Amino acid sequence: GSSPIIVLGCAFSHAIRRVAPQYQRTQFV
């Protein structure tokens, strides 16, 4: 239930692209 979720570094970009659409009420940084 955390939001926003902050991730650090370009290595996380692929994972965010996959996860963010599944949790549209959650904000990511």
PDB file of all heavy atoms in Angstrom:
ATOM      1  N   GLY A   1       0.789  -1.220   0.000  1.00  0.00           N
ATOM      2  CA  GLY A   1       0.000   0.000   0.000  1.00  0.00           C
ATOM      3  C   GLY A   1       0.818   1.265   0.000  1.00  0.00           C
ATOM      4  O   GLY A   1       0.271   2.371   0.079  1.00  0.00           O
ATOM      5  N   SER A   2       2.148   1.149  -0.094  1.00  0.00           N
ATOM      6  CA  SER A   2       3.013   2.328  -0.083  1.00  0.00           C
ATOM      7  C   SER A   2       2.807   3.178  -1.334  1.00  0.00           C
ATOM      8  O   SER A   2       2.586   2.655  -2.426  1.00  0.00           O
ATOM      9  CB  SER A   2       4.483   1.906  -0.007  1.00  0.00           C
ATOM     10  OG  SER A   2       4.758   1.253   1.208  1.00  0.00           O
ATOM     11  N   SER A   3       2.882   4.501  -1.159  1.00  0.00           N
ATOM     12  CA  SER A   3       2.821   5.435  -2.284  1.00  0.00           C
ATOM     13  C   SER A   3       3.206   6.826  -1.780  1.00  0.00           C
ATOM     14  O   SER A   3       2.719   7.254  -0.724  1.00  0.00           O
ATOM     15  CB  SER A   3       1.415   5.469  -2.881  1.00  0.00           C
ATOM     16  OG  SER A   3       1.363   6.307  -4.019  1.00  0.00           O
ATOM     17  N   PRO A   4       4.098   7.517  -2.506  1.00  0.00           N
ATOM     18  CA  PRO A   4       4.792   7.054  -3.711  1.00  0.00           C
ATOM     19  C   PRO A   4       5.909   6.076  -3.362  1.00  0.00           C
ATOM     20  O   PRO A   4       6.400   6.062  -2.240  1.00  0.00           O
ATOM     21  CB  PRO A   4       5.368   8.351  -4.296  1.00  0.00           C
ATOM     22  CG  PRO A   4       5.634   9.198  -3.090  1.00  0.00           C
ATOM     23  CD  PRO A   4       4.486   8.903  -2.147  1.00  0.00           C
ATOM     24  N   ILE A   5       6.290   5.283  -4.346  1.00  0.00           N
ATOM     25  CA  ILE A   5       7.404   4.352  -4.202  1.00  0.00           C
ATOM     26  C   ILE A   5       8.580   4.912  -5.003  1.00  0.00           C
ATOM     27  O   ILE A   5       8.475   5.102  -6.212  1.00  0.00           O
ATOM     28  CB  ILE A   5       7.023   2.954  -4.709  1.00  0.00           C
ATOM     29  CG1 ILE A   5       5.877   2.389  -3.857  1.00  0.00           C
ATOM     30  CG2 ILE A   5       8.228   2.020  -4.684  1.00  0.00           C
ATOM     31  CD1 ILE A   5       5.275   1.117  -4.414  1.00  0.00           C
ATOM     32  N   ILE A   6       9.681   5.172  -4.315  1.00  0.00           N
ATOM     33  CA  ILE A   6      10.863   5.770  -4.937  1.00  0.00           C
ATOM     34  C   ILE A   6      11.883   4.682  -5.243  1.00  0.00           C
ATOM     35  O   ILE A   6      12.191   3.848  -4.388  1.00  0.00           O
ATOM     36  CB  ILE A   6      11.494   6.819  -3.995  1.00  0.00           C
ATOM     37  CG1 ILE A   6      10.478   7.911  -3.656  1.00  0.00           C
ATOM     38  CG2 ILE A   6      12.749   7.419  -4.609  1.00  0.00           C
ATOM     39  CD1 ILE A   6      10.937   8.849  -2.550  1.00  0.00           C
ATOM     40  N   VAL A   7      12.394   4.684  -6.472  1.00  0.00           N
ATOM     41  CA  VAL A   7      13.460   3.745  -6.836  1.00  0.00           C
ATOM     42  C   VAL A   7      14.638   4.545  -7.383  1.00  0.00           C
ATOM     43  O   VAL A   7      14.460   5.604  -7.986  1.00  0.00           O
ATOM     44  CB  VAL A   7      12.994   2.692  -7.862  1.00  0.00           C
ATOM     45  CG1 VAL A   7      11.843   1.876  -7.299  1.00  0.00           C
ATOM     46  CG2 VAL A   7      12.589   3.341  -9.173  1.00  0.00           C
ATOM     47  N   LEU A   8      15.831   4.018  -7.155  1.00  0.00           N
ATOM     48  CA  LEU A   8      17.048   4.763  -7.450  1.00  0.00           C
ATOM     49  C   LEU A   8      17.847   4.116  -8.571  1.00  0.00           C
ATOM     50  O   LEU A   8      18.309   2.985  -8.442  1.00  0.00           O
ATOM     51  CB  LEU A   8      17.932   4.853  -6.194  1.00  0.00           C
ATOM     52  CG  LEU A   8      17.261   5.420  -4.936  1.00  0.00           C
ATOM     53  CD1 LEU A   8      18.213   5.320  -3.745  1.00  0.00           C
ATOM     54  CD2 LEU A   8      16.831   6.857  -5.163  1.00  0.00           C
ATOM     55  N   GLY A   9      17.996   4.829  -9.665  1.00  0.00           N
ATOM     56  CA  GLY A   9      18.892   4.377 -10.719  1.00  0.00           C
ATOM     57  C   GLY A   9      18.203   3.798 -11.933  1.00  0.00           C
ATOM     58  O   GLY A   9      17.094   3.249 -11.860  1.00  0.00           O
ATOM     59  N   CYS A  10      18.902   3.920 -13.057  1.00  0.00           N
ATOM     60  CA  CYS A  10      18.338   3.464 -14.328  1.00  0.00           C
ATOM     61  C   CYS A  10      18.153   1.958 -14.376  1.00  0.00           C
ATOM     62  O   CYS A  10      17.378   1.455 -15.197  1.00  0.00           O
ATOM     63  CB  CYS A  10      19.217   3.931 -15.486  1.00  0.00           C
ATOM     64  SG  CYS A  10      20.954   3.443 -15.360  1.00  0.00           S
ATOM     65  N   ALA A  11      18.835   1.216 -13.488  1.00  0.00           N
ATOM     66  CA  ALA A  11      18.673  -0.233 -13.483  1.00  0.00           C
ATOM     67  C   ALA A  11      17.250  -0.647 -13.107  1.00  0.00           C
ATOM     68  O   ALA A  11      16.825  -1.766 -13.381  1.00  0.00           O
ATOM     69  CB  ALA A  11      19.675  -0.866 -12.514  1.00  0.00           C
ATOM     70  N   PHE A  12      16.490   0.254 -12.478  1.00  0.00           N
ATOM     71  CA  PHE A  12      15.119  -0.049 -12.065  1.00  0.00           C
ATOM     72  C   PHE A  12      14.086   0.278 -13.143  1.00  0.00           C
ATOM     73  O   PHE A  12      12.903   0.000 -12.955  1.00  0.00           O
ATOM     74  CB  PHE A  12      14.770   0.752 -10.802  1.00  0.00           C
ATOM     75  CG  PHE A  12      15.307   0.169  -9.523  1.00  0.00           C
ATOM     76  CD1 PHE A  12      16.540   0.564  -9.037  1.00  0.00           C
ATOM     77  CD2 PHE A  12      14.581  -0.763  -8.805  1.00  0.00           C
ATOM     78  CE1 PHE A  12      17.033   0.048  -7.856  1.00  0.00           C
ATOM     79  CE2 PHE A  12      15.064  -1.295  -7.625  1.00  0.00           C
ATOM     80  CZ  PHE A  12      16.298  -0.886  -7.147  1.00  0.00           C
ATOM     81  N   SER A  13      14.495   0.891 -14.233  1.00  0.00           N
ATOM     82  CA  SER A  13      13.524   1.397 -15.204  1.00  0.00           C
ATOM     83  C   SER A  13      12.645   0.294 -15.790  1.00  0.00           C
ATOM     84  O   SER A  13      11.429   0.468 -15.933  1.00  0.00           O
ATOM     85  CB  SER A  13      14.241   2.163 -16.318  1.00  0.00           C
ATOM     86  OG  SER A  13      15.161   1.323 -17.002  1.00  0.00           O
ATOM     87  N   HIS A  14      13.243  -0.837 -16.151  1.00  0.00           N
ATOM     88  CA  HIS A  14      12.465  -1.929 -16.746  1.00  0.00           C
ATOM     89  C   HIS A  14      11.428  -2.445 -15.751  1.00  0.00           C
ATOM     90  O   HIS A  14      10.265  -2.711 -16.117  1.00  0.00           O
ATOM     91  CB  HIS A  14      13.393  -3.061 -17.181  1.00  0.00           C
ATOM     92  CG  HIS A  14      12.676  -4.233 -17.793  1.00  0.00           C
ATOM     93  ND1 HIS A  14      12.055  -4.173 -19.017  1.00  0.00           N
ATOM     94  CD2 HIS A  14      12.460  -5.493 -17.313  1.00  0.00           C
ATOM     95  CE1 HIS A  14      11.502  -5.342 -19.297  1.00  0.00           C
ATOM     96  NE2 HIS A  14      11.723  -6.147 -18.277  1.00  0.00           N
ATOM     97  N   ALA A  15      11.833  -2.586 -14.485  1.00  0.00           N
ATOM     98  CA  ALA A  15      10.920  -3.100 -13.467  1.00  0.00           C
ATOM     99  C   ALA A  15       9.749  -2.149 -13.247  1.00  0.00           C
ATOM    100  O   ALA A  15       8.595  -2.579 -13.118  1.00  0.00           O
ATOM    101  CB  ALA A  15      11.678  -3.320 -12.160  1.00  0.00           C
ATOM    102  N   ILE A  16      10.009  -0.845 -13.219  1.00  0.00           N
ATOM    103  CA  ILE A  16       8.939   0.134 -13.041  1.00  0.00           C
ATOM    104  C   ILE A  16       7.968   0.093 -14.226  1.00  0.00           C
ATOM    105  O   ILE A  16       6.747   0.198 -14.054  1.00  0.00           O
ATOM    106  CB  ILE A  16       9.508   1.551 -12.875  1.00  0.00           C
ATOM    107  CG1 ILE A  16      10.158   1.693 -11.501  1.00  0.00           C
ATOM    108  CG2 ILE A  16       8.426   2.612 -13.038  1.00  0.00           C
ATOM    109  CD1 ILE A  16       9.176   1.681 -10.356  1.00  0.00           C
ATOM    110  N   ARG A  17       8.496  -0.066 -15.430  1.00  0.00           N
ATOM    111  CA  ARG A  17       7.627  -0.132 -16.605  1.00  0.00           C
ATOM    112  C   ARG A  17       6.661  -1.317 -16.520  1.00  0.00           C
ATOM    113  O   ARG A  17       5.551  -1.259 -17.048  1.00  0.00           O
ATOM    114  CB  ARG A  17       8.469  -0.233 -17.886  1.00  0.00           C
ATOM    115  CG  ARG A  17       9.203   1.047 -18.243  1.00  0.00           C
ATOM    116  CD  ARG A  17       9.855   0.965 -19.606  1.00  0.00           C
ATOM    117  NE  ARG A  17      10.614   2.167 -19.897  1.00  0.00           N
ATOM    118  CZ  ARG A  17      11.921   2.297 -19.699  1.00  0.00           C
ATOM    119  NH1 ARG A  17      12.626   1.254 -19.258  1.00  0.00           N
ATOM    120  NH2 ARG A  17      12.541   3.426 -19.965  1.00  0.00           N
ATOM    121  N   ARG A  18       7.083  -2.377 -15.867  1.00  0.00           N
ATOM    122  CA  ARG A  18       6.238  -3.562 -15.755  1.00  0.00           C
ATOM    123  C   ARG A  18       5.257  -3.466 -14.578  1.00  0.00           C
ATOM    124  O   ARG A  18       4.113  -3.902 -14.678  1.00  0.00           O
ATOM    125  CB  ARG A  18       7.111  -4.812 -15.602  1.00  0.00           C
ATOM    126  CG  ARG A  18       7.860  -5.187 -16.885  1.00  0.00           C
ATOM    127  CD  ARG A  18       8.735  -6.419 -16.662  1.00  0.00           C
ATOM    128  NE  ARG A  18       7.949  -7.577 -16.279  1.00  0.00           N
ATOM    129  CZ  ARG A  18       7.372  -8.422 -17.128  1.00  0.00           C
ATOM    130  NH1 ARG A  18       7.471  -8.196 -18.435  1.00  0.00           N
ATOM    131  NH2 ARG A  18       6.696  -9.462 -16.699  1.00  0.00           N
ATOM    132  N   VAL A  19       5.728  -2.877 -13.471  1.00  0.00           N
ATOM    133  CA  VAL A  19       4.910  -2.868 -12.262  1.00  0.00           C
ATOM    134  C   VAL A  19       3.899  -1.726 -12.258  1.00  0.00           C
ATOM    135  O   VAL A  19       2.744  -1.906 -11.851  1.00  0.00           O
ATOM    136  CB  VAL A  19       5.803  -2.792 -11.006  1.00  0.00           C
ATOM    137  CG1 VAL A  19       4.943  -2.688  -9.742  1.00  0.00           C
ATOM    138  CG2 VAL A  19       6.707  -4.019 -10.921  1.00  0.00           C
ATOM    139  N   ALA A  20       4.294  -0.535 -12.692  1.00  0.00           N
ATOM    140  CA  ALA A  20       3.430   0.656 -12.587  1.00  0.00           C
ATOM    141  C   ALA A  20       2.048   0.469 -13.210  1.00  0.00           C
ATOM    142  O   ALA A  20       1.039   0.872 -12.594  1.00  0.00           O
ATOM    143  CB  ALA A  20       4.137   1.868 -13.197  1.00  0.00           C
ATOM    144  N   PRO A  21       1.922  -0.137 -14.401  1.00  0.00           N
ATOM    145  CA  PRO A  21       0.579  -0.303 -14.977  1.00  0.00           C
ATOM    146  C   PRO A  21      -0.318  -1.230 -14.154  1.00  0.00           C
ATOM    147  O   PRO A  21      -1.546  -1.156 -14.257  1.00  0.00           O
ATOM    148  CB  PRO A  21       0.863  -0.898 -16.363  1.00  0.00           C
ATOM    149  CG  PRO A  21       2.274  -0.518 -16.668  1.00  0.00           C
ATOM    150  CD  PRO A  21       2.975  -0.561 -15.349  1.00  0.00           C
ATOM    151  N   GLN A  22       0.272  -2.094 -13.343  1.00  0.00           N
ATOM    152  CA  GLN A  22      -0.518  -3.037 -12.542  1.00  0.00           C
ATOM    153  C   GLN A  22      -1.069  -2.391 -11.271  1.00  0.00           C
ATOM    154  O   GLN A  22      -1.985  -2.935 -10.651  1.00  0.00           O
ATOM    155  CB  GLN A  22       0.346  -4.247 -12.168  1.00  0.00           C
ATOM    156  CG  GLN A  22       0.910  -5.010 -13.354  1.00  0.00           C
ATOM    157  CD  GLN A  22       1.853  -6.118 -12.912  1.00  0.00           C
ATOM    158  OE1 GLN A  22       1.573  -6.833 -11.947  1.00  0.00           O
ATOM    159  NE2 GLN A  22       2.979  -6.251 -13.594  1.00  0.00           N
ATOM    160  N   TYR A  23      -0.496  -1.251 -10.872  1.00  0.00           N
ATOM    161  CA  TYR A  23      -0.908  -0.573  -9.644  1.00  0.00           C
ATOM    162  C   TYR A  23      -1.149   0.904  -9.961  1.00  0.00           C
ATOM    163  O   TYR A  23      -0.375   1.778  -9.583  1.00  0.00           O
ATOM    164  CB  TYR A  23       0.160  -0.735  -8.551  1.00  0.00           C
ATOM    165  CG  TYR A  23       0.375  -2.172  -8.144  1.00  0.00           C
ATOM    166  CD1 TYR A  23       1.297  -2.972  -8.809  1.00  0.00           C
ATOM    167  CD2 TYR A  23      -0.374  -2.735  -7.107  1.00  0.00           C
ATOM    168  CE1 TYR A  23       1.479  -4.301  -8.448  1.00  0.00           C
ATOM    169  CE2 TYR A  23      -0.198  -4.063  -6.744  1.00  0.00           C
ATOM    170  CZ  TYR A  23       0.732  -4.837  -7.417  1.00  0.00           C
ATOM    171  OH  TYR A  23       0.901  -6.157  -7.054  1.00  0.00           O
ATOM    172  N   GLN A  24      -2.220   1.160 -10.674  1.00  0.00           N
ATOM    173  CA  GLN A  24      -2.455   2.513 -11.187  1.00  0.00           C
ATOM    174  C   GLN A  24      -2.831   3.519 -10.102  1.00  0.00           C
ATOM    175  O   GLN A  24      -2.695   4.721 -10.303  1.00  0.00           O
ATOM    176  CB  GLN A  24      -3.535   2.454 -12.272  1.00  0.00           C
ATOM    177  CG  GLN A  24      -3.099   1.651 -13.483  1.00  0.00           C
ATOM    178  CD  GLN A  24      -4.126   1.643 -14.597  1.00  0.00           C
ATOM    179  OE1 GLN A  24      -5.065   2.422 -14.600  1.00  0.00           O
ATOM    180  NE2 GLN A  24      -3.936   0.743 -15.560  1.00  0.00           N
ATOM    181  N   ARG A  25      -3.295   3.044  -8.941  1.00  0.00           N
ATOM    182  CA  ARG A  25      -3.585   3.955  -7.835  1.00  0.00           C
ATOM    183  C   ARG A  25      -2.312   4.326  -7.076  1.00  0.00           C
ATOM    184  O   ARG A  25      -2.327   5.231  -6.238  1.00  0.00           O
ATOM    185  CB  ARG A  25      -4.586   3.313  -6.864  1.00  0.00           C
ATOM    186  CG  ARG A  25      -5.995   3.139  -7.432  1.00  0.00           C
ATOM    187  CD  ARG A  25      -6.923   2.594  -6.370  1.00  0.00           C
ATOM    188  NE  ARG A  25      -7.025   3.488  -5.226  1.00  0.00           N
ATOM    189  CZ  ARG A  25      -7.013   3.076  -3.962  1.00  0.00           C
ATOM    190  NH1 ARG A  25      -6.863   1.787  -3.673  1.00  0.00           N
ATOM    191  NH2 ARG A  25      -7.126   3.955  -2.980  1.00  0.00           N
ATOM    192  N   THR A  26      -1.240   3.608  -7.333  1.00  0.00           N
ATOM    193  CA  THR A  26       0.045   3.859  -6.673  1.00  0.00           C
ATOM    194  C   THR A  26       0.880   4.780  -7.538  1.00  0.00           C
ATOM    195  O   THR A  26       0.905   4.639  -8.765  1.00  0.00           O
ATOM    196  CB  THR A  26       0.798   2.542  -6.440  1.00  0.00           C
ATOM    197  OG1 THR A  26      -0.014   1.661  -5.659  1.00  0.00           O
ATOM    198  CG2 THR A  26       2.127   2.785  -5.744  1.00  0.00           C
ATOM    199  N   GLN A  27       1.577   5.716  -6.917  1.00  0.00           N
ATOM    200  CA  GLN A  27       2.476   6.599  -7.644  1.00  0.00           C
ATOM    201  C   GLN A  27       3.917   6.140  -7.438  1.00  0.00           C
ATOM    202  O   GLN A  27       4.293   5.684  -6.355  1.00  0.00           O
ATOM    203  CB  GLN A  27       2.297   8.043  -7.183  1.00  0.00           C
ATOM    204  CG  GLN A  27       0.921   8.610  -7.527  1.00  0.00           C
ATOM    205  CD  GLN A  27       0.760  10.043  -7.093  1.00  0.00           C
ATOM    206  OE1 GLN A  27       1.247  10.461  -6.059  1.00  0.00           O
ATOM    207  NE2 GLN A  27       0.037  10.824  -7.896  1.00  0.00           N
ATOM    208  N   PHE A  28       4.704   6.264  -8.505  1.00  0.00           N
ATOM    209  CA  PHE A  28       6.093   5.815  -8.489  1.00  0.00           C
ATOM    210  C   PHE A  28       7.003   6.977  -8.860  1.00  0.00           C
ATOM    211  O   PHE A  28       6.637   7.855  -9.647  1.00  0.00           O
ATOM    212  CB  PHE A  28       6.299   4.663  -9.474  1.00  0.00           C
ATOM    213  CG  PHE A  28       5.472   3.439  -9.171  1.00  0.00           C
ATOM    214  CD1 PHE A  28       4.164   3.336  -9.635  1.00  0.00           C
ATOM    215  CD2 PHE A  28       5.993   2.405  -8.422  1.00  0.00           C
ATOM    216  CE1 PHE A  28       3.392   2.213  -9.354  1.00  0.00           C
ATOM    217  CE2 PHE A  28       5.234   1.271  -8.138  1.00  0.00           C
ATOM    218  CZ  PHE A  28       3.935   1.177  -8.607  1.00  0.00           C
ATOM    219  N   VAL A  29       8.197   6.959  -8.310  1.00  0.00           N
ATOM    220  CA  VAL A  29       9.211   7.957  -8.630  1.00  0.00           C
ATOM    221  C   VAL A  29      10.490   7.220  -8.987  1.00  0.00           C
ATOM    222  O   VAL A  29      10.990   6.407  -8.198  1.00  0.00           O
ATOM    223  CB  VAL A  29       9.480   8.900  -7.434  1.00  0.00           C
ATOM    224  CG1 VAL A  29      10.536   9.946  -7.806  1.00  0.00           C
ATOM    225  CG2 VAL A  29       8.205   9.567  -6.966  1.00  0.00           C
TER     226      VAL A  29
END
